[in-house]
Amino acid sequence: MHDIDTKLLRSFLTVTAERSFSRAATRLGCSQATMSQRILQLESLLGVALFRRDYHDVTLTPAGQDLRADAQVVVDAHDGLIARVTRGRVAGSVRLGIAEDYVLPMLPQLLRTLRQRLPGVEISVLTGLSRDLCRQVEARTLDMAVVTLPEILPMATVLPKPPLLWIAAPAFEMPEDGVLPLALFPEGCAFRAAALPRLTQPHRLALVSASGQVIHAAVGAGLAATVMAAGTVPQDLAPLSGLPELPLPCIQIVPRAQGFSPAAEAVRALVEGLW
């Protein structure tokens, strides 16, 4: 009988979620070699192969699929035990998804507040499109996600609805041909879905990127306009007038259905309070 370090199980769950050893290593703050060694150690202890590895993707073997739910239960139980033993001082690990629309304005403040109020909580953050993050919550590879969706999901905490704004650099000028250049997230982004049907004037997608930093850079350079929620607009950008009014977004915190730890509940309350 072997004792299994929860760090190995946590690494296994992270590789499962990311489908990449390198991305999993980045999320957990270690090297890719360390991550690979942890998985090899876990496979050696269990006597089974957990992943199929190829150049483009990492997928679970049948043994890995069997382990996934049980590993999550063990990690949740570990984090709950730590929280109880610390007698009210919230501790544990939380996996939070944040839609790319909110990462730049929200994440620095969240991390500062987390360090001050919840020093015993270790948080890992995954960014992406809202629909993708919701799928990871459903798969229990994220504890919760801050997303924008057209409908309110079960058990979601609905956040205040800031207006959507057309945003550009202060010095942005409309091109001489009158075609508005836009920098937007890929299809599946709620802001994109809200904005494009309301444009009656000629426009083109000058940039499509899943990275909020890339879109910010393009808009900041004056190459395009974009859509953001009020309160999340960086200081170097400003509202762009003369374009159609946009609807209010439905921003919500979507939690996973089971195994929501005290640490996760504390982080959800913290995120809600920051909005």
C-alpha atoms as a PDB file:
ATOM      1  CA  MET A   1       0.000   0.000   0.000  1.00  0.00           C
ATOM      2  CA  HIS A   2       1.384   3.390  -1.049  1.00  0.00           C
ATOM      3  CA  ASP A   3       0.509   6.848   0.266  1.00  0.00           C
ATOM      4  CA  ILE A   4      -0.208   9.250  -2.591  1.00  0.00           C
ATOM      5  CA  ASP A   5       0.771  12.890  -2.208  1.00  0.00           C
ATOM      6  CA  THR A   6      -2.193  15.157  -2.994  1.00  0.00           C
ATOM      7  CA  LYS A   7       0.232  17.277  -5.028  1.00  0.00           C
ATOM      8  CA  LEU A   8       0.413  14.388  -7.513  1.00  0.00           C
ATOM      9  CA  LEU A   9      -3.369  14.172  -7.722  1.00  0.00           C
ATOM     10  CA  ARG A  10      -3.661  17.945  -8.093  1.00  0.00           C
ATOM     11  CA  SER A  11      -1.104  17.823 -10.915  1.00  0.00           C
ATOM     12  CA  PHE A  12      -3.040  14.982 -12.576  1.00  0.00           C
ATOM     13  CA  LEU A  13      -6.283  17.003 -12.438  1.00  0.00           C
ATOM     14  CA  THR A  14      -4.570  20.088 -13.846  1.00  0.00           C
ATOM     15  CA  VAL A  15      -3.043  18.204 -16.791  1.00  0.00           C
ATOM     16  CA  THR A  16      -6.479  16.689 -17.391  1.00  0.00           C
ATOM     17  CA  ALA A  17      -8.064  20.149 -17.514  1.00  0.00           C
ATOM     18  CA  GLU A  18      -5.365  21.767 -19.642  1.00  0.00           C
ATOM     19  CA  ARG A  19      -4.662  18.748 -21.897  1.00  0.00           C
ATOM     20  CA  SER A  20      -1.084  19.971 -21.872  1.00  0.00           C
ATOM     21  CA  PHE A  21       1.864  19.391 -19.546  1.00  0.00           C
ATOM     22  CA  SER A  22       3.327  22.819 -20.264  1.00  0.00           C
ATOM     23  CA  ARG A  23       0.090  24.714 -19.572  1.00  0.00           C
ATOM     24  CA  ALA A  24      -0.519  22.653 -16.442  1.00  0.00           C
ATOM     25  CA  ALA A  25       2.988  23.472 -15.220  1.00  0.00           C
ATOM     26  CA  THR A  26       2.356  27.176 -15.778  1.00  0.00           C
ATOM     27  CA  ARG A  27      -0.880  27.031 -13.773  1.00  0.00           C
ATOM     28  CA  LEU A  28       0.790  25.302 -10.831  1.00  0.00           C
ATOM     29  CA  GLY A  29       3.984  27.354 -10.958  1.00  0.00           C
ATOM     30  CA  CYS A  30       6.472  24.604 -11.743  1.00  0.00           C
ATOM     31  CA  SER A  31       8.554  23.511 -14.720  1.00  0.00           C
ATOM     32  CA  GLN A  32       7.266  21.191 -17.418  1.00  0.00           C
ATOM     33  CA  ALA A  33       9.907  18.651 -16.394  1.00  0.00           C
ATOM     34  CA  THR A  34       8.617  18.721 -12.804  1.00  0.00           C
ATOM     35  CA  MET A  35       5.054  18.252 -14.002  1.00  0.00           C
ATOM     36  CA  SER A  36       6.052  15.296 -16.172  1.00  0.00           C
ATOM     37  CA  GLN A  37       7.939  13.756 -13.256  1.00  0.00           C
ATOM     38  CA  ARG A  38       4.917  14.068 -10.973  1.00  0.00           C
ATOM     39  CA  ILE A  39       2.678  12.278 -13.483  1.00  0.00           C
ATOM     40  CA  LEU A  40       5.263   9.556 -14.010  1.00  0.00           C
ATOM     41  CA  GLN A  41       5.512   9.109 -10.236  1.00  0.00           C
ATOM     42  CA  LEU A  42       1.731   8.832  -9.927  1.00  0.00           C
ATOM     43  CA  GLU A  43       1.555   6.324 -12.783  1.00  0.00           C
ATOM     44  CA  SER A  44       4.315   4.300 -11.147  1.00  0.00           C
ATOM     45  CA  LEU A  45       2.512   4.247  -7.797  1.00  0.00           C
ATOM     46  CA  LEU A  46      -0.759   3.152  -9.400  1.00  0.00           C
ATOM     47  CA  GLY A  47       0.800   0.825 -11.951  1.00  0.00           C
ATOM     48  CA  VAL A  48      -1.208   2.230 -14.865  1.00  0.00           C
ATOM     49  CA  ALA A  49      -0.777   4.750 -17.689  1.00  0.00           C
ATOM     50  CA  LEU A  50      -3.006   7.766 -17.091  1.00  0.00           C
ATOM     51  CA  PHE A  51      -2.458   9.770 -20.289  1.00  0.00           C
ATOM     52  CA  ARG A  52      -2.022   9.222 -23.985  1.00  0.00           C
ATOM     53  CA  ARG A  53       0.620  11.669 -25.139  1.00  0.00           C
ATOM     54  CA  ASP A  54       1.142  12.916 -28.690  1.00  0.00           C
ATOM     55  CA  TYR A  55       2.608  16.044 -30.244  1.00  0.00           C
ATOM     56  CA  HIS A  56      -0.651  17.997 -30.341  1.00  0.00           C
ATOM     57  CA  ASP A  57      -2.734  16.737 -27.441  1.00  0.00           C
ATOM     58  CA  VAL A  58      -2.814  14.904 -24.124  1.00  0.00           C
ATOM     59  CA  THR A  59      -5.861  12.719 -23.425  1.00  0.00           C
ATOM     60  CA  LEU A  60      -6.905  10.379 -20.640  1.00  0.00           C
ATOM     61  CA  THR A  61      -6.572   6.631 -20.902  1.00  0.00           C
ATOM     62  CA  PRO A  62      -9.464   4.517 -19.541  1.00  0.00           C
ATOM     63  CA  ALA A  63      -7.534   4.237 -16.263  1.00  0.00           C
ATOM     64  CA  GLY A  64      -7.153   8.016 -16.189  1.00  0.00           C
ATOM     65  CA  GLN A  65     -10.869   8.483 -16.760  1.00  0.00           C
ATOM     66  CA  ASP A  66     -11.590   6.131 -13.858  1.00  0.00           C
ATOM     67  CA  LEU A  67      -9.212   8.040 -11.584  1.00  0.00           C
ATOM     68  CA  ARG A  68     -10.482  11.516 -12.435  1.00  0.00           C
ATOM     69  CA  ALA A  69     -13.607  11.668 -10.232  1.00  0.00           C
ATOM     70  CA  ASP A  70     -11.965   9.864  -7.303  1.00  0.00           C
ATOM     71  CA  ALA A  71      -8.914  12.131  -7.456  1.00  0.00           C
ATOM     72  CA  GLN A  72     -11.178  15.172  -7.283  1.00  0.00           C
ATOM     73  CA  VAL A  73     -12.954  13.758  -4.227  1.00  0.00           C
ATOM     74  CA  VAL A  74      -9.623  13.174  -2.455  1.00  0.00           C
ATOM     75  CA  VAL A  75      -8.340  16.686  -3.233  1.00  0.00           C
ATOM     76  CA  ASP A  76     -11.635  18.231  -2.089  1.00  0.00           C
ATOM     77  CA  ALA A  77     -11.551  16.215   1.131  1.00  0.00           C
ATOM     78  CA  HIS A  78      -7.948  17.284   1.748  1.00  0.00           C
ATOM     79  CA  ASP A  79      -8.791  20.965   1.268  1.00  0.00           C
ATOM     80  CA  GLY A  80     -11.865  20.649   3.499  1.00  0.00           C
ATOM     81  CA  LEU A  81      -9.779  19.000   6.217  1.00  0.00           C
ATOM     82  CA  ILE A  82      -7.232  21.817   6.119  1.00  0.00           C
ATOM     83  CA  ALA A  83     -10.037  24.363   6.408  1.00  0.00           C
ATOM     84  CA  ARG A  84     -11.526  22.597   9.448  1.00  0.00           C
ATOM     85  CA  VAL A  85      -8.201  22.058  11.219  1.00  0.00           C
ATOM     86  CA  THR A  86      -7.279  25.719  10.887  1.00  0.00           C
ATOM     87  CA  ARG A  87     -10.420  26.464  12.949  1.00  0.00           C
ATOM     88  CA  GLY A  88     -12.082  29.100  10.872  1.00  0.00           C
ATOM     89  CA  ARG A  89      -9.053  30.351   8.994  1.00  0.00           C
ATOM     90  CA  VAL A  90     -10.018  29.572   5.414  1.00  0.00           C
ATOM     91  CA  ALA A  91      -7.392  27.529   3.609  1.00  0.00           C
ATOM     92  CA  GLY A  92      -7.165  25.316   0.563  1.00  0.00           C
ATOM     93  CA  SER A  93      -6.837  25.589  -3.197  1.00  0.00           C
ATOM     94  CA  VAL A  94      -9.358  27.133  -5.591  1.00  0.00           C
ATOM     95  CA  ARG A  95      -9.457  26.938  -9.366  1.00  0.00           C
ATOM     96  CA  LEU A  96     -11.076  30.052 -10.818  1.00  0.00           C
ATOM     97  CA  GLY A  97     -11.952  30.756 -14.429  1.00  0.00           C
ATOM     98  CA  ILE A  98     -12.233  34.349 -15.648  1.00  0.00           C
ATOM     99  CA  ALA A  99     -13.550  35.302 -19.067  1.00  0.00           C
ATOM    100  CA  GLU A 100     -10.891  37.135 -21.054  1.00  0.00           C
ATOM    101  CA  ASP A 101     -13.095  40.257 -21.081  1.00  0.00           C
ATOM    102  CA  TYR A 102     -12.418  40.830 -17.371  1.00  0.00           C
ATOM    103  CA  VAL A 103      -8.899  39.546 -16.800  1.00  0.00           C
ATOM    104  CA  LEU A 104      -6.918  42.765 -17.183  1.00  0.00           C
ATOM    105  CA  PRO A 105      -9.057  45.007 -14.965  1.00  0.00           C
ATOM    106  CA  MET A 106     -10.096  42.353 -12.440  1.00  0.00           C
ATOM    107  CA  LEU A 107      -7.191  40.001 -11.793  1.00  0.00           C
ATOM    108  CA  PRO A 108      -4.635  42.385 -10.192  1.00  0.00           C
ATOM    109  CA  GLN A 109      -7.201  43.680  -7.688  1.00  0.00           C
ATOM    110  CA  LEU A 110      -8.427  40.154  -6.971  1.00  0.00           C
ATOM    111  CA  LEU A 111      -4.941  38.854  -6.222  1.00  0.00           C
ATOM    112  CA  ARG A 112      -4.103  41.805  -3.968  1.00  0.00           C
ATOM    113  CA  THR A 113      -7.325  41.379  -2.000  1.00  0.00           C
ATOM    114  CA  LEU A 114      -6.880  37.628  -1.812  1.00  0.00           C
ATOM    115  CA  ARG A 115      -3.413  38.020  -0.292  1.00  0.00           C
ATOM    116  CA  GLN A 116      -4.767  40.412   2.329  1.00  0.00           C
ATOM    117  CA  ARG A 117      -7.995  38.623   3.308  1.00  0.00           C
ATOM    118  CA  LEU A 118      -7.404  34.954   2.460  1.00  0.00           C
ATOM    119  CA  PRO A 119      -3.687  34.283   2.909  1.00  0.00           C
ATOM    120  CA  GLY A 120      -4.326  30.570   3.416  1.00  0.00           C
ATOM    121  CA  VAL A 121      -5.991  30.135   0.019  1.00  0.00           C
ATOM    122  CA  GLU A 122      -3.946  29.077  -3.002  1.00  0.00           C
ATOM    123  CA  ILE A 123      -5.659  30.144  -6.212  1.00  0.00           C
ATOM    124  CA  SER A 124      -5.021  29.110  -9.796  1.00  0.00           C
ATOM    125  CA  VAL A 125      -6.627  31.150 -12.578  1.00  0.00           C
ATOM    126  CA  LEU A 126      -7.615  30.001 -16.040  1.00  0.00           C
ATOM    127  CA  THR A 127      -8.744  32.473 -18.692  1.00  0.00           C
ATOM    128  CA  GLY A 128     -10.738  31.800 -21.824  1.00  0.00           C
ATOM    129  CA  LEU A 129     -14.086  32.249 -23.540  1.00  0.00           C
ATOM    130  CA  SER A 130     -17.178  32.039 -21.341  1.00  0.00           C
ATOM    131  CA  ARG A 131     -18.614  28.899 -22.951  1.00  0.00           C
ATOM    132  CA  ASP A 132     -15.292  27.065 -22.661  1.00  0.00           C
ATOM    133  CA  LEU A 133     -14.979  27.999 -18.991  1.00  0.00           C
ATOM    134  CA  CYS A 134     -18.522  26.803 -18.280  1.00  0.00           C
ATOM    135  CA  ARG A 135     -17.694  23.430 -19.805  1.00  0.00           C
ATOM    136  CA  GLN A 136     -14.733  23.142 -17.442  1.00  0.00           C
ATOM    137  CA  VAL A 137     -16.958  23.984 -14.468  1.00  0.00           C
ATOM    138  CA  GLU A 138     -19.341  21.236 -15.580  1.00  0.00           C
ATOM    139  CA  ALA A 139     -16.390  18.849 -15.876  1.00  0.00           C
ATOM    140  CA  ARG A 140     -15.328  19.826 -12.312  1.00  0.00           C
ATOM    141  CA  THR A 141     -11.886  20.953 -13.455  1.00  0.00           C
ATOM    142  CA  LEU A 142     -12.771  24.493 -12.294  1.00  0.00           C
ATOM    143  CA  ASP A 143     -14.444  25.407  -9.011  1.00  0.00           C
ATOM    144  CA  MET A 144     -16.154  28.408 -10.541  1.00  0.00           C
ATOM    145  CA  ALA A 145     -15.945  30.872 -13.416  1.00  0.00           C
ATOM    146  CA  VAL A 146     -16.794  34.537 -13.995  1.00  0.00           C
ATOM    147  CA  VAL A 147     -18.530  34.548 -17.376  1.00  0.00           C
ATOM    148  CA  THR A 148     -20.931  36.438 -19.621  1.00  0.00           C
ATOM    149  CA  LEU A 149     -23.791  34.413 -21.064  1.00  0.00           C
ATOM    150  CA  PRO A 150     -27.178  35.275 -22.578  1.00  0.00           C
ATOM    151  CA  GLU A 151     -28.947  33.105 -19.979  1.00  0.00           C
ATOM    152  CA  ILE A 152     -28.609  32.712 -16.203  1.00  0.00           C
ATOM    153  CA  LEU A 153     -27.280  29.282 -15.287  1.00  0.00           C
ATOM    154  CA  PRO A 154     -28.487  27.246 -12.278  1.00  0.00           C
ATOM    155  CA  MET A 155     -26.853  28.212  -8.954  1.00  0.00           C
ATOM    156  CA  ALA A 156     -25.116  31.190 -10.596  1.00  0.00           C
ATOM    157  CA  THR A 157     -24.531  34.429  -8.722  1.00  0.00           C
ATOM    158  CA  VAL A 158     -25.619  37.281 -11.006  1.00  0.00           C
ATOM    159  CA  LEU A 159     -23.363  40.316 -10.761  1.00  0.00           C
ATOM    160  CA  PRO A 160     -24.348  43.960 -11.373  1.00  0.00           C
ATOM    161  CA  LYS A 161     -24.963  44.690 -15.035  1.00  0.00           C
ATOM    162  CA  PRO A 162     -22.602  47.416 -16.249  1.00  0.00           C
ATOM    163  CA  PRO A 163     -23.442  48.820 -19.684  1.00  0.00           C
ATOM    164  CA  LEU A 164     -21.454  47.647 -22.671  1.00  0.00           C
ATOM    165  CA  LEU A 165     -19.465  50.399 -24.381  1.00  0.00           C
ATOM    166  CA  TRP A 166     -17.740  50.848 -27.703  1.00  0.00           C
ATOM    167  CA  ILE A 167     -14.116  51.506 -26.793  1.00  0.00           C
ATOM    168  CA  ALA A 168     -11.126  52.915 -28.675  1.00  0.00           C
ATOM    169  CA  ALA A 169      -7.916  54.832 -28.090  1.00  0.00           C
ATOM    170  CA  PRO A 170      -8.527  58.546 -27.372  1.00  0.00           C
ATOM    171  CA  ALA A 171      -6.774  59.451 -30.645  1.00  0.00           C
ATOM    172  CA  PHE A 172      -8.659  56.863 -32.736  1.00  0.00           C
ATOM    173  CA  GLU A 173      -9.823  58.165 -36.114  1.00  0.00           C
ATOM    174  CA  MET A 174     -12.282  56.536 -38.449  1.00  0.00           C
ATOM    175  CA  PRO A 175     -10.527  55.348 -41.646  1.00  0.00           C
ATOM    176  CA  GLU A 176     -11.104  57.391 -44.782  1.00  0.00           C
ATOM    177  CA  ASP A 177     -13.098  54.582 -46.387  1.00  0.00           C
ATOM    178  CA  GLY A 178     -15.631  54.764 -43.537  1.00  0.00           C
ATOM    179  CA  VAL A 179     -15.240  51.085 -42.609  1.00  0.00           C
ATOM    180  CA  LEU A 180     -14.977  50.648 -38.848  1.00  0.00           C
ATOM    181  CA  PRO A 181     -12.115  48.273 -37.855  1.00  0.00           C
ATOM    182  CA  LEU A 182     -12.915  46.047 -34.890  1.00  0.00           C
ATOM    183  CA  ALA A 183     -10.813  43.937 -32.540  1.00  0.00           C
ATOM    184  CA  LEU A 184     -12.971  41.221 -30.946  1.00  0.00           C
ATOM    185  CA  PHE A 185     -12.819  37.814 -29.342  1.00  0.00           C
ATOM    186  CA  PRO A 186     -13.663  34.750 -31.479  1.00  0.00           C
ATOM    187  CA  GLU A 187     -17.189  33.483 -32.071  1.00  0.00           C
ATOM    188  CA  GLY A 188     -18.723  32.373 -28.800  1.00  0.00           C
ATOM    189  CA  CYS A 189     -17.929  35.669 -27.057  1.00  0.00           C
ATOM    190  CA  ALA A 190     -21.105  37.247 -25.646  1.00  0.00           C
ATOM    191  CA  PHE A 191     -19.815  40.787 -26.224  1.00  0.00           C
ATOM    192  CA  ARG A 192     -19.156  40.031 -29.881  1.00  0.00           C
ATOM    193  CA  ALA A 193     -22.600  38.461 -30.266  1.00  0.00           C
ATOM    194  CA  ALA A 194     -24.205  41.553 -28.731  1.00  0.00           C
ATOM    195  CA  ALA A 195     -22.240  44.090 -30.771  1.00  0.00           C
ATOM    196  CA  LEU A 196     -22.058  42.897 -34.374  1.00  0.00           C
ATOM    197  CA  PRO A 197     -25.802  42.598 -35.099  1.00  0.00           C
ATOM    198  CA  ARG A 198     -26.340  46.190 -33.946  1.00  0.00           C
ATOM    199  CA  LEU A 199     -23.837  47.742 -36.304  1.00  0.00           C
ATOM    200  CA  THR A 200     -25.526  49.295 -39.310  1.00  0.00           C
ATOM    201  CA  GLN A 201     -22.462  51.014 -40.692  1.00  0.00           C
ATOM    202  CA  PRO A 202     -19.726  49.261 -42.702  1.00  0.00           C
ATOM    203  CA  HIS A 203     -17.246  47.416 -40.500  1.00  0.00           C
ATOM    204  CA  ARG A 204     -14.584  44.753 -40.659  1.00  0.00           C
ATOM    205  CA  LEU A 205     -12.861  42.437 -38.228  1.00  0.00           C
ATOM    206  CA  ALA A 206      -9.348  43.849 -38.174  1.00  0.00           C
ATOM    207  CA  LEU A 207      -8.299  41.456 -35.391  1.00  0.00           C
ATOM    208  CA  VAL A 208      -9.781  38.341 -33.813  1.00  0.00           C
ATOM    209  CA  SER A 209      -7.940  36.989 -30.783  1.00  0.00           C
ATOM    210  CA  ALA A 210      -8.707  34.913 -27.699  1.00  0.00           C
ATOM    211  CA  SER A 211      -6.236  37.065 -25.743  1.00  0.00           C
ATOM    212  CA  GLY A 212      -7.458  40.169 -23.963  1.00  0.00           C
ATOM    213  CA  GLN A 213      -3.900  41.524 -23.920  1.00  0.00           C
ATOM    214  CA  VAL A 214      -3.653  41.268 -27.706  1.00  0.00           C
ATOM    215  CA  ILE A 215      -6.978  43.064 -28.183  1.00  0.00           C
ATOM    216  CA  HIS A 216      -5.959  45.752 -25.682  1.00  0.00           C
ATOM    217  CA  ALA A 217      -2.686  46.284 -27.559  1.00  0.00           C
ATOM    218  CA  ALA A 218      -4.423  46.629 -30.933  1.00  0.00           C
ATOM    219  CA  VAL A 219      -7.039  49.038 -29.600  1.00  0.00           C
ATOM    220  CA  GLY A 220      -4.465  51.024 -27.644  1.00  0.00           C
ATOM    221  CA  ALA A 221      -2.397  51.438 -30.818  1.00  0.00           C
ATOM    222  CA  GLY A 222      -5.398  52.998 -32.538  1.00  0.00           C
ATOM    223  CA  LEU A 223      -5.792  50.157 -35.014  1.00  0.00           C
ATOM    224  CA  ALA A 224      -9.350  49.200 -34.074  1.00  0.00           C
ATOM    225  CA  ALA A 225     -12.290  49.664 -31.732  1.00  0.00           C
ATOM    226  CA  THR A 226     -13.719  47.012 -29.416  1.00  0.00           C
ATOM    227  CA  VAL A 227     -16.479  46.378 -26.861  1.00  0.00           C
ATOM    228  CA  MET A 228     -15.987  46.370 -23.077  1.00  0.00           C
ATOM    229  CA  ALA A 229     -18.141  46.551 -19.959  1.00  0.00           C
ATOM    230  CA  ALA A 230     -18.168  49.821 -18.060  1.00  0.00           C
ATOM    231  CA  GLY A 231     -15.832  49.609 -15.102  1.00  0.00           C
ATOM    232  CA  THR A 232     -13.413  47.305 -16.899  1.00  0.00           C
ATOM    233  CA  VAL A 233     -12.023  49.842 -19.374  1.00  0.00           C
ATOM    234  CA  PRO A 234      -8.239  50.392 -19.031  1.00  0.00           C
ATOM    235  CA  GLN A 235      -7.126  53.956 -18.334  1.00  0.00           C
ATOM    236  CA  ASP A 236      -5.488  54.367 -21.740  1.00  0.00           C
ATOM    237  CA  LEU A 237      -8.770  53.712 -23.590  1.00  0.00           C
ATOM    238  CA  ALA A 238     -12.038  55.657 -23.777  1.00  0.00           C
ATOM    239  CA  PRO A 239     -15.670  55.278 -24.950  1.00  0.00           C
ATOM    240  CA  LEU A 240     -16.280  55.815 -28.656  1.00  0.00           C
ATOM    241  CA  SER A 241     -19.409  57.821 -29.485  1.00  0.00           C
ATOM    242  CA  GLY A 242     -21.660  57.724 -32.513  1.00  0.00           C
ATOM    243  CA  LEU A 243     -22.261  53.965 -32.506  1.00  0.00           C
ATOM    244  CA  PRO A 244     -25.431  52.004 -31.617  1.00  0.00           C
ATOM    245  CA  GLU A 245     -26.354  51.474 -27.968  1.00  0.00           C
ATOM    246  CA  LEU A 246     -25.501  48.028 -26.660  1.00  0.00           C
ATOM    247  CA  PRO A 247     -27.529  45.775 -24.325  1.00  0.00           C
ATOM    248  CA  LEU A 248     -26.704  45.069 -20.696  1.00  0.00           C
ATOM    249  CA  PRO A 249     -24.574  41.930 -20.281  1.00  0.00           C
ATOM    250  CA  CYS A 250     -25.477  39.046 -17.957  1.00  0.00           C
ATOM    251  CA  ILE A 251     -22.292  38.603 -15.928  1.00  0.00           C
ATOM    252  CA  GLN A 252     -22.382  35.732 -13.450  1.00  0.00           C
ATOM    253  CA  ILE A 253     -20.263  33.543 -11.214  1.00  0.00           C
ATOM    254  CA  VAL A 254     -20.987  29.927 -12.132  1.00  0.00           C
ATOM    255  CA  PRO A 255     -19.987  27.378  -9.441  1.00  0.00           C
ATOM    256  CA  ARG A 256     -19.540  23.661  -9.883  1.00  0.00           C
ATOM    257  CA  ALA A 257     -22.430  21.524  -8.704  1.00  0.00           C
ATOM    258  CA  GLN A 258     -20.700  19.473  -6.002  1.00  0.00           C
ATOM    259  CA  GLY A 259     -17.657  19.622  -3.748  1.00  0.00           C
ATOM    260  CA  PHE A 260     -17.729  23.403  -3.301  1.00  0.00           C
ATOM    261  CA  SER A 261     -15.199  23.921  -0.506  1.00  0.00           C
ATOM    262  CA  PRO A 262     -15.165  26.663   2.162  1.00  0.00           C
ATOM    263  CA  ALA A 263     -12.169  28.180   0.355  1.00  0.00           C
ATOM    264  CA  ALA A 264     -14.113  28.309  -2.904  1.00  0.00           C
ATOM    265  CA  GLU A 265     -17.094  29.879  -1.145  1.00  0.00           C
ATOM    266  CA  ALA A 266     -14.819  32.533   0.362  1.00  0.00           C
ATOM    267  CA  VAL A 267     -13.301  33.326  -3.041  1.00  0.00           C
ATOM    268  CA  ARG A 268     -16.759  33.587  -4.610  1.00  0.00           C
ATOM    269  CA  ALA A 269     -17.815  36.094  -1.945  1.00  0.00           C
ATOM    270  CA  LEU A 270     -14.597  38.024  -2.501  1.00  0.00           C
ATOM    271  CA  VAL A 271     -15.133  38.174  -6.284  1.00  0.00           C
ATOM    272  CA  GLU A 272     -18.739  39.275  -5.810  1.00  0.00           C
ATOM    273  CA  GLY A 273     -17.625  42.028  -3.444  1.00  0.00           C
ATOM    274  CA  LEU A 274     -15.053  43.351  -5.910  1.00  0.00           C
ATOM    275  CA  TRP A 275     -17.560  43.810  -8.720  1.00  0.00           C
END
